[in-house]
């Protein structure tokens, strides 16, 4: 479904920023169940643990940022 041109223009081309531009729409959050996103199911079969999964993902990322030093390699000043 991620390659379906009905939901995503140019769906067969790799675009690492495809979901970045749609992150501003409130219904496209991680736990959203909008049409075209079947990661959590749909209707009565929607996963009740999706908020727990979202909270755990946030805790894992926060833990990594607190415990690990994150930065560019030596000599690199920005994204390439």
PDB file of N, CA and C in Angstrom:
ATOM      1  N   UNK A   1       0.814  -1.186   0.000  1.00  0.00           N
ATOM      2  CA  UNK A   1       0.000   0.000   0.000  1.00  0.00           C
ATOM      3  C   UNK A   1       0.867   1.264   0.000  1.00  0.00           C
ATOM      4  N   UNK A   2       2.090   1.171   0.512  1.00  0.00           N
ATOM      5  CA  UNK A   2       2.980   2.335   0.511  1.00  0.00           C
ATOM      6  C   UNK A   2       3.415   2.718  -0.886  1.00  0.00           C
ATOM      7  N   UNK A   3       3.265   1.819  -1.846  1.00  0.00           N
ATOM      8  CA  UNK A   3       3.625   2.114  -3.231  1.00  0.00           C
ATOM      9  C   UNK A   3       2.429   2.520  -4.086  1.00  0.00           C
ATOM     10  N   UNK A   4       1.251   2.538  -3.500  1.00  0.00           N
ATOM     11  CA  UNK A   4       0.032   2.850  -4.240  1.00  0.00           C
ATOM     12  C   UNK A   4      -0.004   4.329  -4.601  1.00  0.00           C
ATOM     13  N   UNK A   5      -0.114   4.624  -5.885  1.00  0.00           N
ATOM     14  CA  UNK A   5      -0.136   6.010  -6.341  1.00  0.00           C
ATOM     15  C   UNK A   5      -1.435   6.730  -5.993  1.00  0.00           C
ATOM     16  N   UNK A   6      -2.438   5.988  -5.523  1.00  0.00           N
ATOM     17  CA  UNK A   6      -3.665   6.620  -5.054  1.00  0.00           C
ATOM     18  C   UNK A   6      -3.396   7.436  -3.798  1.00  0.00           C
ATOM     19  N   UNK A   7      -2.527   6.926  -2.924  1.00  0.00           N
ATOM     20  CA  UNK A   7      -2.234   7.584  -1.652  1.00  0.00           C
ATOM     21  C   UNK A   7      -0.952   8.404  -1.684  1.00  0.00           C
ATOM     22  N   UNK A   8       0.041   7.975  -2.461  1.00  0.00           N
ATOM     23  CA  UNK A   8       1.331   8.650  -2.494  1.00  0.00           C
ATOM     24  C   UNK A   8       1.743   8.893  -3.939  1.00  0.00           C
ATOM     25  N   UNK A   9       1.961  10.152  -4.329  1.00  0.00           N
ATOM     26  CA  UNK A   9       2.401  10.411  -5.696  1.00  0.00           C
ATOM     27  C   UNK A   9       3.785   9.802  -5.919  1.00  0.00           C
ATOM     28  N   UNK A  10       3.969   9.213  -7.086  1.00  0.00           N
ATOM     29  CA  UNK A  10       5.238   8.588  -7.455  1.00  0.00           C
ATOM     30  C   UNK A  10       5.633   7.537  -6.419  1.00  0.00           C
ATOM     31  N   UNK A  11       4.703   6.643  -6.121  1.00  0.00           N
ATOM     32  CA  UNK A  11       4.875   5.651  -5.070  1.00  0.00           C
ATOM     33  C   UNK A  11       5.951   4.617  -5.313  1.00  0.00           C
ATOM     34  N   UNK A  12       6.356   4.395  -6.541  1.00  0.00           N
ATOM     35  CA  UNK A  12       7.365   3.380  -6.838  1.00  0.00           C
ATOM     36  C   UNK A  12       8.795   3.923  -6.751  1.00  0.00           C
ATOM     37  N   UNK A  13       8.950   5.212  -6.491  1.00  0.00           N
ATOM     38  CA  UNK A  13      10.268   5.812  -6.366  1.00  0.00           C
ATOM     39  C   UNK A  13      10.614   5.965  -4.889  1.00  0.00           C
ATOM     40  N   UNK A  14      11.852   5.600  -4.515  1.00  0.00           N
ATOM     41  CA  UNK A  14      12.284   5.744  -3.132  1.00  0.00           C
ATOM     42  C   UNK A  14      12.404   7.217  -2.779  1.00  0.00           C
ATOM     43  N   UNK A  15      11.740   7.620  -1.723  1.00  0.00           N
ATOM     44  CA  UNK A  15      11.798   8.989  -1.232  1.00  0.00           C
ATOM     45  C   UNK A  15      11.855   8.930   0.291  1.00  0.00           C
ATOM     46  N   UNK A  16      13.042   9.128   0.892  1.00  0.00           N
ATOM     47  CA  UNK A  16      13.141   9.009   2.346  1.00  0.00           C
ATOM     48  C   UNK A  16      12.353  10.086   3.092  1.00  0.00           C
ATOM     49  N   UNK A  17      11.956  11.152   2.417  1.00  0.00           N
ATOM     50  CA  UNK A  17      11.208  12.234   3.057  1.00  0.00           C
ATOM     51  C   UNK A  17       9.720  12.188   2.732  1.00  0.00           C
ATOM     52  N   UNK A  18       9.235  11.068   2.246  1.00  0.00           N
ATOM     53  CA  UNK A  18       7.842  10.950   1.832  1.00  0.00           C
ATOM     54  C   UNK A  18       6.868  11.276   2.963  1.00  0.00           C
ATOM     55  N   UNK A  19       7.127  10.780   4.146  1.00  0.00           N
ATOM     56  CA  UNK A  19       6.197  10.964   5.250  1.00  0.00           C
ATOM     57  C   UNK A  19       6.520  12.197   6.074  1.00  0.00           C
ATOM     58  N   UNK A  20       7.639  12.827   5.820  1.00  0.00           N
ATOM     59  CA  UNK A  20       8.020  14.021   6.557  1.00  0.00           C
ATOM     60  C   UNK A  20       7.099  15.181   6.235  1.00  0.00           C
ATOM     61  N   UNK A  21       6.725  15.333   4.968  1.00  0.00           N
ATOM     62  CA  UNK A  21       5.875  16.458   4.584  1.00  0.00           C
ATOM     63  C   UNK A  21       4.445  16.288   5.089  1.00  0.00           C
ATOM     64  N   UNK A  22       3.999  15.046   5.306  1.00  0.00           N
ATOM     65  CA  UNK A  22       2.629  14.830   5.781  1.00  0.00           C
ATOM     66  C   UNK A  22       2.540  14.792   7.289  1.00  0.00           C
ATOM     67  N   UNK A  23       3.667  14.994   7.999  1.00  0.00           N
ATOM     68  CA  UNK A  23       3.662  14.929   9.458  1.00  0.00           C
ATOM     69  C   UNK A  23       2.949  16.119  10.086  1.00  0.00           C
ATOM     70  N   UNK A  24       2.709  17.190   9.315  1.00  0.00           N
ATOM     71  CA  UNK A  24       2.046  18.367   9.860  1.00  0.00           C
ATOM     72  C   UNK A  24       0.532  18.188   9.949  1.00  0.00           C
ATOM     73  N   UNK A  25      -0.014  17.205   9.242  1.00  0.00           N
ATOM     74  CA  UNK A  25      -1.446  16.953   9.267  1.00  0.00           C
ATOM     75  C   UNK A  25      -1.758  16.135  10.514  1.00  0.00           C
ATOM     76  N   UNK A  26      -2.653  16.592  11.391  1.00  0.00           N
ATOM     77  CA  UNK A  26      -2.900  15.904  12.655  1.00  0.00           C
ATOM     78  C   UNK A  26      -3.308  14.440  12.500  1.00  0.00           C
ATOM     79  N   UNK A  27      -4.019  14.075  11.436  1.00  0.00           N
ATOM     80  CA  UNK A  27      -4.480  12.698  11.298  1.00  0.00           C
ATOM     81  C   UNK A  27      -3.375  11.750  10.840  1.00  0.00           C
ATOM     82  N   UNK A  28      -2.204  12.267  10.474  1.00  0.00           N
ATOM     83  CA  UNK A  28      -1.109  11.427  10.004  1.00  0.00           C
ATOM     84  C   UNK A  28      -0.062  11.190  11.077  1.00  0.00           C
ATOM     85  N   UNK A  29      -0.466  11.126  12.326  1.00  0.00           N
ATOM     86  CA  UNK A  29       0.497  10.858  13.373  1.00  0.00           C
ATOM     87  C   UNK A  29       0.803   9.353  13.435  1.00  0.00           C
ATOM     88  N   UNK A  30       1.704   8.967  14.300  1.00  0.00           N
ATOM     89  CA  UNK A  30       2.162   7.581  14.370  1.00  0.00           C
ATOM     90  C   UNK A  30       1.025   6.600  14.669  1.00  0.00           C
ATOM     91  N   UNK A  31       0.093   6.995  15.492  1.00  0.00           N
ATOM     92  CA  UNK A  31      -0.996   6.093  15.883  1.00  0.00           C
ATOM     93  C   UNK A  31      -2.255   6.293  15.051  1.00  0.00           C
ATOM     94  N   UNK A  32      -2.180   7.089  13.995  1.00  0.00           N
ATOM     95  CA  UNK A  32      -3.346   7.376  13.171  1.00  0.00           C
ATOM     96  C   UNK A  32      -3.850   6.160  12.402  1.00  0.00           C
ATOM     97  N   UNK A  33      -5.131   6.139  12.131  1.00  0.00           N
ATOM     98  CA  UNK A  33      -5.747   5.034  11.394  1.00  0.00           C
ATOM     99  C   UNK A  33      -6.433   5.547  10.132  1.00  0.00           C
ATOM    100  N   UNK A  34      -5.808   6.546   9.498  1.00  0.00           N
ATOM    101  CA  UNK A  34      -6.388   7.119   8.290  1.00  0.00           C
ATOM    102  C   UNK A  34      -6.361   6.115   7.143  1.00  0.00           C
ATOM    103  N   UNK A  35      -7.186   6.310   6.130  1.00  0.00           N
ATOM    104  CA  UNK A  35      -7.171   5.402   4.973  1.00  0.00           C
ATOM    105  C   UNK A  35      -5.801   5.393   4.307  1.00  0.00           C
ATOM    106  N   UNK A  36      -5.364   4.235   3.921  1.00  0.00           N
ATOM    107  CA  UNK A  36      -4.065   4.098   3.291  1.00  0.00           C
ATOM    108  C   UNK A  36      -2.966   3.692   4.256  1.00  0.00           C
ATOM    109  N   UNK A  37      -3.244   3.718   5.546  1.00  0.00           N
ATOM    110  CA  UNK A  37      -2.266   3.306   6.549  1.00  0.00           C
ATOM    111  C   UNK A  37      -2.857   2.139   7.329  1.00  0.00           C
ATOM    112  N   UNK A  38      -2.488   0.938   6.917  1.00  0.00           N
ATOM    113  CA  UNK A  38      -3.049  -0.244   7.567  1.00  0.00           C
ATOM    114  C   UNK A  38      -2.118  -0.841   8.620  1.00  0.00           C
ATOM    115  N   UNK A  39      -1.153  -0.069   9.086  1.00  0.00           N
ATOM    116  CA  UNK A  39      -0.210  -0.579  10.077  1.00  0.00           C
ATOM    117  C   UNK A  39      -0.911  -0.974  11.377  1.00  0.00           C
ATOM    118  N   UNK A  40      -1.981  -0.279  11.742  1.00  0.00           N
ATOM    119  CA  UNK A  40      -2.678  -0.552  12.991  1.00  0.00           C
ATOM    120  C   UNK A  40      -4.037  -1.213  12.789  1.00  0.00           C
ATOM    121  N   UNK A  41      -4.378  -1.566  11.585  1.00  0.00           N
ATOM    122  CA  UNK A  41      -5.678  -2.159  11.328  1.00  0.00           C
ATOM    123  C   UNK A  41      -6.693  -1.085  10.993  1.00  0.00           C
ATOM    124  N   UNK A  42      -7.944  -1.503  10.941  1.00  0.00           N
ATOM    125  CA  UNK A  42      -8.988  -0.567  10.573  1.00  0.00           C
ATOM    126  C   UNK A  42     -10.305  -0.975  11.216  1.00  0.00           C
ATOM    127  N   UNK A  43     -11.143   0.017  11.500  1.00  0.00           N
ATOM    128  CA  UNK A  43     -12.463  -0.259  12.052  1.00  0.00           C
ATOM    129  C   UNK A  43     -12.416  -0.925  13.420  1.00  0.00           C
ATOM    130  N   UNK A  44     -13.228  -1.968  13.594  1.00  0.00           N
ATOM    131  CA  UNK A  44     -13.275  -2.668  14.884  1.00  0.00           C
ATOM    132  C   UNK A  44     -11.993  -3.426  15.187  1.00  0.00           C
ATOM    133  N   UNK A  45     -11.180  -3.686  14.168  1.00  0.00           N
ATOM    134  CA  UNK A  45      -9.962  -4.458  14.363  1.00  0.00           C
ATOM    135  C   UNK A  45      -8.732  -3.574  14.579  1.00  0.00           C
ATOM    136  N   UNK A  46      -8.941  -2.306  14.887  1.00  0.00           N
ATOM    137  CA  UNK A  46      -7.830  -1.396  15.135  1.00  0.00           C
ATOM    138  C   UNK A  46      -7.108  -1.805  16.412  1.00  0.00           C
ATOM    139  N   UNK A  47      -5.795  -1.797  16.361  1.00  0.00           N
ATOM    140  CA  UNK A  47      -4.959  -2.237  17.483  1.00  0.00           C
ATOM    141  C   UNK A  47      -5.152  -1.331  18.697  1.00  0.00           C
ATOM    142  N   UNK A  48      -5.576  -1.877  19.833  1.00  0.00           N
ATOM    143  CA  UNK A  48      -5.749  -1.044  21.025  1.00  0.00           C
ATOM    144  C   UNK A  48      -4.418  -0.654  21.673  1.00  0.00           C
ATOM    145  N   UNK A  49      -3.332  -1.322  21.326  1.00  0.00           N
ATOM    146  CA  UNK A  49      -2.042  -1.031  21.935  1.00  0.00           C
ATOM    147  C   UNK A  49      -1.195  -0.054  21.146  1.00  0.00           C
ATOM    148  N   UNK A  50      -1.777   0.635  20.165  1.00  0.00           N
ATOM    149  CA  UNK A  50      -0.973   1.522  19.324  1.00  0.00           C
ATOM    150  C   UNK A  50      -0.456   2.725  20.100  1.00  0.00           C
ATOM    151  N   UNK A  51      -1.185   3.205  21.091  1.00  0.00           N
ATOM    152  CA  UNK A  51      -0.697   4.325  21.894  1.00  0.00           C
ATOM    153  C   UNK A  51       0.448   3.872  22.803  1.00  0.00           C
ATOM    154  N   UNK A  52       0.355   2.657  23.308  1.00  0.00           N
ATOM    155  CA  UNK A  52       1.436   2.101  24.118  1.00  0.00           C
ATOM    156  C   UNK A  52       2.702   1.959  23.265  1.00  0.00           C
ATOM    157  N   UNK A  53       2.553   1.463  22.042  1.00  0.00           N
ATOM    158  CA  UNK A  53       3.700   1.322  21.137  1.00  0.00           C
ATOM    159  C   UNK A  53       4.309   2.690  20.830  1.00  0.00           C
ATOM    160  N   UNK A  54       3.483   3.684  20.614  1.00  0.00           N
ATOM    161  CA  UNK A  54       3.991   5.031  20.357  1.00  0.00           C
ATOM    162  C   UNK A  54       4.747   5.589  21.553  1.00  0.00           C
ATOM    163  N   UNK A  55       4.200   5.384  22.754  1.00  0.00           N
ATOM    164  CA  UNK A  55       4.878   5.858  23.962  1.00  0.00           C
ATOM    165  C   UNK A  55       6.205   5.131  24.173  1.00  0.00           C
ATOM    166  N   UNK A  56       6.233   3.831  23.914  1.00  0.00           N
ATOM    167  CA  UNK A  56       7.476   3.068  24.071  1.00  0.00           C
ATOM    168  C   UNK A  56       8.528   3.519  23.068  1.00  0.00           C
ATOM    169  N   UNK A  57       8.132   3.795  21.848  1.00  0.00           N
ATOM    170  CA  UNK A  57       9.081   4.303  20.846  1.00  0.00           C
ATOM    171  C   UNK A  57       9.678   5.636  21.293  1.00  0.00           C
ATOM    172  N   UNK A  58       8.848   6.506  21.841  1.00  0.00           N
ATOM    173  CA  UNK A  58       9.344   7.796  22.325  1.00  0.00           C
ATOM    174  C   UNK A  58      10.313   7.609  23.483  1.00  0.00           C
ATOM    175  N   UNK A  59      10.008   6.687  24.395  1.00  0.00           N
ATOM    176  CA  UNK A  59      10.900   6.426  25.523  1.00  0.00           C
ATOM    177  C   UNK A  59      12.233   5.847  25.069  1.00  0.00           C
ATOM    178  N   UNK A  60      12.209   4.971  24.086  1.00  0.00           N
ATOM    179  CA  UNK A  60      13.444   4.378  23.572  1.00  0.00           C
ATOM    180  C   UNK A  60      14.323   5.446  22.928  1.00  0.00           C
ATOM    181  N   UNK A  61      13.735   6.290  22.094  1.00  0.00           N
ATOM    182  CA  UNK A  61      14.505   7.349  21.438  1.00  0.00           C
ATOM    183  C   UNK A  61      15.044   8.332  22.480  1.00  0.00           C
ATOM    184  N   UNK A  62      14.213   8.700  23.455  1.00  0.00           N
ATOM    185  CA  UNK A  62      14.671   9.609  24.512  1.00  0.00           C
ATOM    186  C   UNK A  62      15.818   8.988  25.296  1.00  0.00           C
ATOM    187  N   UNK A  63      15.731   7.701  25.614  1.00  0.00           N
ATOM    188  CA  UNK A  63      16.803   7.018  26.322  1.00  0.00           C
ATOM    189  C   UNK A  63      18.095   6.997  25.530  1.00  0.00           C
ATOM    190  N   UNK A  64      18.005   6.767  24.231  1.00  0.00           N
ATOM    191  CA  UNK A  64      19.193   6.786  23.388  1.00  0.00           C
ATOM    192  C   UNK A  64      19.830   8.171  23.355  1.00  0.00           C
ATOM    193  N   UNK A  65      19.010   9.209  23.257  1.00  0.00           N
ATOM    194  CA  UNK A  65      19.539  10.572  23.208  1.00  0.00           C
ATOM    195  C   UNK A  65      20.180  10.987  24.523  1.00  0.00           C
ATOM    196  N   UNK A  66      19.649  10.507  25.640  1.00  0.00           N
ATOM    197  CA  UNK A  66      20.202  10.854  26.943  1.00  0.00           C
ATOM    198  C   UNK A  66      21.499  10.090  27.207  1.00  0.00           C
ATOM    199  N   UNK A  67      21.538   8.821  26.846  1.00  0.00           N
ATOM    200  CA  UNK A  67      22.678   7.968  27.191  1.00  0.00           C
ATOM    201  C   UNK A  67      23.815   7.972  26.165  1.00  0.00           C
ATOM    202  N   UNK A  68      23.538   8.353  24.944  1.00  0.00           N
ATOM    203  CA  UNK A  68      24.544   8.258  23.883  1.00  0.00           C
ATOM    204  C   UNK A  68      24.916   9.649  23.380  1.00  0.00           C
ATOM    205  N   UNK A  69      26.150   9.771  22.954  1.00  0.00           N
ATOM    206  CA  UNK A  69      26.589  11.023  22.358  1.00  0.00           C
ATOM    207  C   UNK A  69      26.266  10.979  20.868  1.00  0.00           C
ATOM    208  N   UNK A  70      25.436  11.904  20.436  1.00  0.00           N
ATOM    209  CA  UNK A  70      24.990  11.926  19.048  1.00  0.00           C
ATOM    210  C   UNK A  70      25.623  13.130  18.356  1.00  0.00           C
ATOM    211  N   UNK A  71      26.237  12.903  17.223  1.00  0.00           N
ATOM    212  CA  UNK A  71      26.854  14.007  16.486  1.00  0.00           C
ATOM    213  C   UNK A  71      27.407  13.531  15.158  1.00  0.00           C
ATOM    214  N   UNK A  72      27.948  14.469  14.408  1.00  0.00           N
ATOM    215  CA  UNK A  72      28.549  14.163  13.123  1.00  0.00           C
ATOM    216  C   UNK A  72      29.929  13.544  13.329  1.00  0.00           C
ATOM    217  N   UNK A  73      30.414  12.773  12.370  1.00  0.00           N
ATOM    218  CA  UNK A  73      31.774  12.248  12.462  1.00  0.00           C
ATOM    219  C   UNK A  73      32.798  13.389  12.478  1.00  0.00           C
ATOM    220  N   UNK A  74      33.980  13.085  12.954  1.00  0.00           N
ATOM    221  CA  UNK A  74      35.060  14.081  13.041  1.00  0.00           C
ATOM    222  C   UNK A  74      35.301  14.737  11.677  1.00  0.00           C
ATOM    223  N   UNK A  75      35.272  16.055  11.661  1.00  0.00           N
ATOM    224  CA  UNK A  75      35.532  16.799  10.432  1.00  0.00           C
ATOM    225  C   UNK A  75      34.289  17.163   9.631  1.00  0.00           C
ATOM    226  N   UNK A  76      33.169  16.518   9.882  1.00  0.00           N
ATOM    227  CA  UNK A  76      31.931  16.830   9.154  1.00  0.00           C
ATOM    228  C   UNK A  76      31.151  17.866   9.932  1.00  0.00           C
ATOM    229  N   UNK A  77      30.703  18.933   9.250  1.00  0.00           N
ATOM    230  CA  UNK A  77      30.016  20.015   9.939  1.00  0.00           C
ATOM    231  C   UNK A  77      28.519  20.041   9.678  1.00  0.00           C
ATOM    232  N   UNK A  78      28.041  19.286   8.720  1.00  0.00           N
ATOM    233  CA  UNK A  78      26.616  19.291   8.411  1.00  0.00           C
ATOM    234  C   UNK A  78      26.234  18.065   7.602  1.00  0.00           C
ATOM    235  N   UNK A  79      24.965  18.009   7.244  1.00  0.00           N
ATOM    236  CA  UNK A  79      24.500  16.882   6.430  1.00  0.00           C
ATOM    237  C   UNK A  79      25.077  16.969   5.041  1.00  0.00           C
ATOM    238  N   UNK A  80      25.330  15.844   4.463  1.00  0.00           N
ATOM    239  CA  UNK A  80      25.891  15.828   3.113  1.00  0.00           C
ATOM    240  C   UNK A  80      24.823  15.877   2.075  1.00  0.00           C
TER     241      UNK A  80
END
